[in-house]
Amino acid sequence: MKASFLTKETILDVDVVDRGFPRLKAGDHVVIDQLVREGSKERIQKFEGDVIAMHRNGIATTFTVRKVTKDGFGVERIFPYYSPSVKDVHLVREGIVRRAKLFYLRDRTGKSARIKPKIIKGGAKKKTR
């Protein structure tokens, strides 16, 4: 879905409808549910990885997610934020980073490619009577 193909009505529809996704930023570990059409069938495909870049462009906002396979190959996918094929985005954990774009992770392997997780204090408290 490119921004040049969108009409004014489509832009207004998307602005009115909130996606309900968490506010993403570089360093977050996410799971994306994407609708995949194969012939006449539809299914949900999950893609899990770290957000390495956010490209905020209004209706054409995209985010890049990178994951490393078991074989050590890096796979990156760019997801349009307002695409109807992106059904849901789950925030697994937030990361502590000092950059807006984490493209340097492409050159790193092993422990040096890790993103330090953000620890939220007082997260889950037990209910007491």
C-alpha atoms as a PDB file:
ATOM      1  CA  MET A   1       0.000   0.000   0.000  1.00  0.00           C
ATOM      2  CA  LYS A   2       1.889   3.039  -1.260  1.00  0.00           C
ATOM      3  CA  ALA A   3       1.030   6.557  -0.223  1.00  0.00           C
ATOM      4  CA  SER A   4       0.644   7.689  -3.842  1.00  0.00           C
ATOM      5  CA  PHE A   5      -2.309   5.321  -4.336  1.00  0.00           C
ATOM      6  CA  LEU A   6      -4.232   6.531  -1.295  1.00  0.00           C
ATOM      7  CA  THR A   7      -7.130   8.918  -1.673  1.00  0.00           C
ATOM      8  CA  LYS A   8      -8.109  11.648   0.726  1.00  0.00           C
ATOM      9  CA  GLU A   9     -11.028   9.558   1.999  1.00  0.00           C
ATOM     10  CA  THR A  10      -8.721   6.623   2.761  1.00  0.00           C
ATOM     11  CA  ILE A  11      -6.386   8.857   4.735  1.00  0.00           C
ATOM     12  CA  LEU A  12      -9.285  10.251   6.756  1.00  0.00           C
ATOM     13  CA  ASP A  13     -10.608   6.732   7.423  1.00  0.00           C
ATOM     14  CA  VAL A  14      -7.253   5.568   8.742  1.00  0.00           C
ATOM     15  CA  ASP A  15      -6.796   8.657  10.926  1.00  0.00           C
ATOM     16  CA  VAL A  16     -10.198   8.076  12.524  1.00  0.00           C
ATOM     17  CA  VAL A  17      -9.626   4.383  13.156  1.00  0.00           C
ATOM     18  CA  ASP A  18      -6.957   3.800  15.784  1.00  0.00           C
ATOM     19  CA  ARG A  19      -4.961   0.637  15.139  1.00  0.00           C
ATOM     20  CA  GLY A  20      -4.618  -0.115  18.834  1.00  0.00           C
ATOM     21  CA  PHE A  21      -0.985  -1.116  18.400  1.00  0.00           C
ATOM     22  CA  PRO A  22       1.508  -0.225  21.111  1.00  0.00           C
ATOM     23  CA  ARG A  23       3.733   2.791  20.461  1.00  0.00           C
ATOM     24  CA  LEU A  24       6.785   1.215  18.857  1.00  0.00           C
ATOM     25  CA  LYS A  25      10.354   2.446  18.939  1.00  0.00           C
ATOM     26  CA  ALA A  26      13.749   1.085  18.000  1.00  0.00           C
ATOM     27  CA  GLY A  27      14.916  -1.678  20.343  1.00  0.00           C
ATOM     28  CA  ASP A  28      11.481  -3.160  21.051  1.00  0.00           C
ATOM     29  CA  HIS A  29      10.996  -6.911  20.619  1.00  0.00           C
ATOM     30  CA  VAL A  30       7.674  -7.539  18.848  1.00  0.00           C
ATOM     31  CA  VAL A  31       5.529 -10.265  17.318  1.00  0.00           C
ATOM     32  CA  ILE A  32       3.630  -9.240  14.185  1.00  0.00           C
ATOM     33  CA  ASP A  33       0.535 -11.115  12.974  1.00  0.00           C
ATOM     34  CA  GLN A  34       0.238 -10.666   9.217  1.00  0.00           C
ATOM     35  CA  LEU A  35      -2.569 -11.891   6.985  1.00  0.00           C
ATOM     36  CA  VAL A  36      -1.220 -14.020   4.132  1.00  0.00           C
ATOM     37  CA  ARG A  37      -3.377 -14.947   1.140  1.00  0.00           C
ATOM     38  CA  GLU A  38      -2.533 -18.137  -0.733  1.00  0.00           C
ATOM     39  CA  GLY A  39      -4.976 -18.643  -3.563  1.00  0.00           C
ATOM     40  CA  SER A  40      -8.442 -18.576  -2.041  1.00  0.00           C
ATOM     41  CA  LYS A  41      -7.204 -19.336   1.491  1.00  0.00           C
ATOM     42  CA  GLU A  42      -6.123 -16.881   4.176  1.00  0.00           C
ATOM     43  CA  ARG A  43      -3.971 -17.513   7.222  1.00  0.00           C
ATOM     44  CA  ILE A  44      -2.126 -15.559   9.893  1.00  0.00           C
ATOM     45  CA  GLN A  45       1.673 -15.640   9.780  1.00  0.00           C
ATOM     46  CA  LYS A  46       3.722 -14.541  12.783  1.00  0.00           C
ATOM     47  CA  PHE A  47       7.058 -12.724  12.514  1.00  0.00           C
ATOM     48  CA  GLU A  48       9.049 -12.144  15.698  1.00  0.00           C
ATOM     49  CA  GLY A  49      12.049  -9.871  15.994  1.00  0.00           C
ATOM     50  CA  ASP A  50      13.518  -6.552  17.079  1.00  0.00           C
ATOM     51  CA  VAL A  51      12.392  -3.209  15.698  1.00  0.00           C
ATOM     52  CA  ILE A  52      15.513  -1.655  14.194  1.00  0.00           C
ATOM     53  CA  ALA A  53      13.915   1.399  12.562  1.00  0.00           C
ATOM     54  CA  MET A  54      10.732   3.453  12.525  1.00  0.00           C
ATOM     55  CA  HIS A  55       9.954   5.567   9.466  1.00  0.00           C
ATOM     56  CA  ARG A  56       7.209   7.966  10.515  1.00  0.00           C
ATOM     57  CA  ASN A  57       5.616   9.362   7.366  1.00  0.00           C
ATOM     58  CA  GLY A  58       1.975   9.919   8.244  1.00  0.00           C
ATOM     59  CA  ILE A  59      -0.159   7.373   6.413  1.00  0.00           C
ATOM     60  CA  ALA A  60       2.956   5.767   4.903  1.00  0.00           C
ATOM     61  CA  THR A  61       4.533   4.984   8.296  1.00  0.00           C
ATOM     62  CA  THR A  62       6.598   1.789   8.248  1.00  0.00           C
ATOM     63  CA  PHE A  63       8.740  -0.098  10.727  1.00  0.00           C
ATOM     64  CA  THR A  64      11.599  -2.511  10.060  1.00  0.00           C
ATOM     65  CA  VAL A  65      11.838  -5.733  12.074  1.00  0.00           C
ATOM     66  CA  ARG A  66      14.941  -7.940  12.156  1.00  0.00           C
ATOM     67  CA  LYS A  67      15.223 -11.497  13.376  1.00  0.00           C
ATOM     68  CA  VAL A  68      18.100 -13.964  13.299  1.00  0.00           C
ATOM     69  CA  THR A  69      17.293 -17.525  12.231  1.00  0.00           C
ATOM     70  CA  LYS A  70      18.696 -20.676  13.823  1.00  0.00           C
ATOM     71  CA  ASP A  71      21.326 -20.841  11.081  1.00  0.00           C
ATOM     72  CA  GLY A  72      22.540 -17.350  11.954  1.00  0.00           C
ATOM     73  CA  PHE A  73      21.060 -15.577   8.932  1.00  0.00           C
ATOM     74  CA  GLY A  74      19.471 -12.203   9.534  1.00  0.00           C
ATOM     75  CA  VAL A  75      16.021 -11.618   8.067  1.00  0.00           C
ATOM     76  CA  GLU A  76      14.545  -8.122   7.863  1.00  0.00           C
ATOM     77  CA  ARG A  77      11.012  -7.193   6.880  1.00  0.00           C
ATOM     78  CA  ILE A  78       9.434  -3.800   6.455  1.00  0.00           C
ATOM     79  CA  PHE A  79       5.821  -3.593   7.629  1.00  0.00           C
ATOM     80  CA  PRO A  80       3.462  -0.729   6.756  1.00  0.00           C
ATOM     81  CA  TYR A  81       1.872   0.444  10.008  1.00  0.00           C
ATOM     82  CA  TYR A  82      -1.558   1.173   8.489  1.00  0.00           C
ATOM     83  CA  SER A  83      -1.727  -1.842   6.168  1.00  0.00           C
ATOM     84  CA  PRO A  84      -4.855  -3.986   6.529  1.00  0.00           C
ATOM     85  CA  SER A  85      -2.678  -7.091   6.158  1.00  0.00           C
ATOM     86  CA  VAL A  86      -0.976  -6.331   9.507  1.00  0.00           C
ATOM     87  CA  LYS A  87      -3.575  -7.687  11.911  1.00  0.00           C
ATOM     88  CA  ASP A  88      -1.855  -7.242  15.262  1.00  0.00           C
ATOM     89  CA  VAL A  89       1.429  -6.206  16.866  1.00  0.00           C
ATOM     90  CA  HIS A  90       2.357  -7.640  20.274  1.00  0.00           C
ATOM     91  CA  LEU A  91       5.051  -5.904  22.305  1.00  0.00           C
ATOM     92  CA  VAL A  92       7.068  -8.667  24.013  1.00  0.00           C
ATOM     93  CA  ARG A  93       9.623  -6.418  25.747  1.00  0.00           C
ATOM     94  CA  GLU A  94      11.095  -2.956  25.472  1.00  0.00           C
ATOM     95  CA  GLY A  95      14.780  -2.441  24.894  1.00  0.00           C
ATOM     96  CA  ILE A  96      17.258   0.165  26.066  1.00  0.00           C
ATOM     97  CA  VAL A  97      19.024   1.732  23.078  1.00  0.00           C
ATOM     98  CA  ARG A  98      20.651   5.092  22.412  1.00  0.00           C
ATOM     99  CA  ARG A  99      19.981   5.273  18.675  1.00  0.00           C
ATOM    100  CA  ALA A 100      16.881   5.796  16.577  1.00  0.00           C
ATOM    101  CA  LYS A 101      18.112   3.459  13.830  1.00  0.00           C
ATOM    102  CA  LEU A 102      19.846   0.212  14.797  1.00  0.00           C
ATOM    103  CA  PHE A 103      21.379  -0.659  11.430  1.00  0.00           C
ATOM    104  CA  TYR A 104      24.711  -1.426  13.123  1.00  0.00           C
ATOM    105  CA  LEU A 105      23.155  -4.724  14.328  1.00  0.00           C
ATOM    106  CA  ARG A 106      23.489  -6.047  10.766  1.00  0.00           C
ATOM    107  CA  ASP A 107      27.260  -6.315  11.213  1.00  0.00           C
ATOM    108  CA  ARG A 108      27.164  -7.900  14.657  1.00  0.00           C
ATOM    109  CA  THR A 109      26.694 -11.521  15.703  1.00  0.00           C
ATOM    110  CA  GLY A 110      26.282 -13.324  19.000  1.00  0.00           C
ATOM    111  CA  LYS A 111      26.234 -11.446  22.286  1.00  0.00           C
ATOM    112  CA  SER A 112      27.251  -8.132  20.734  1.00  0.00           C
ATOM    113  CA  ALA A 113      23.983  -8.119  18.739  1.00  0.00           C
ATOM    114  CA  ARG A 114      21.816  -8.290  21.857  1.00  0.00           C
ATOM    115  CA  ILE A 115      19.599  -5.438  22.986  1.00  0.00           C
ATOM    116  CA  LYS A 116      19.518  -4.805  26.717  1.00  0.00           C
ATOM    117  CA  PRO A 117      15.953  -5.300  28.027  1.00  0.00           C
ATOM    118  CA  LYS A 118      14.220  -2.523  29.907  1.00  0.00           C
ATOM    119  CA  ILE A 119      13.282  -3.559  33.441  1.00  0.00           C
ATOM    120  CA  ILE A 120       9.996  -2.107  34.620  1.00  0.00           C
ATOM    121  CA  LYS A 121       9.962  -1.708  38.393  1.00  0.00           C
ATOM    122  CA  GLY A 122       6.807  -2.583  40.292  1.00  0.00           C
ATOM    123  CA  GLY A 123       5.313  -4.363  37.299  1.00  0.00           C
ATOM    124  CA  ALA A 124       3.279  -7.259  38.672  1.00  0.00           C
ATOM    125  CA  LYS A 125       2.098  -6.875  42.232  1.00  0.00           C
ATOM    126  CA  LYS A 126       0.017  -9.433  44.058  1.00  0.00           C
ATOM    127  CA  LYS A 127      -3.422  -8.443  45.197  1.00  0.00           C
ATOM    128  CA  THR A 128      -3.801  -8.498  48.950  1.00  0.00           C
ATOM    129  CA  ARG A 129      -7.050  -8.599  50.819  1.00  0.00           C
END
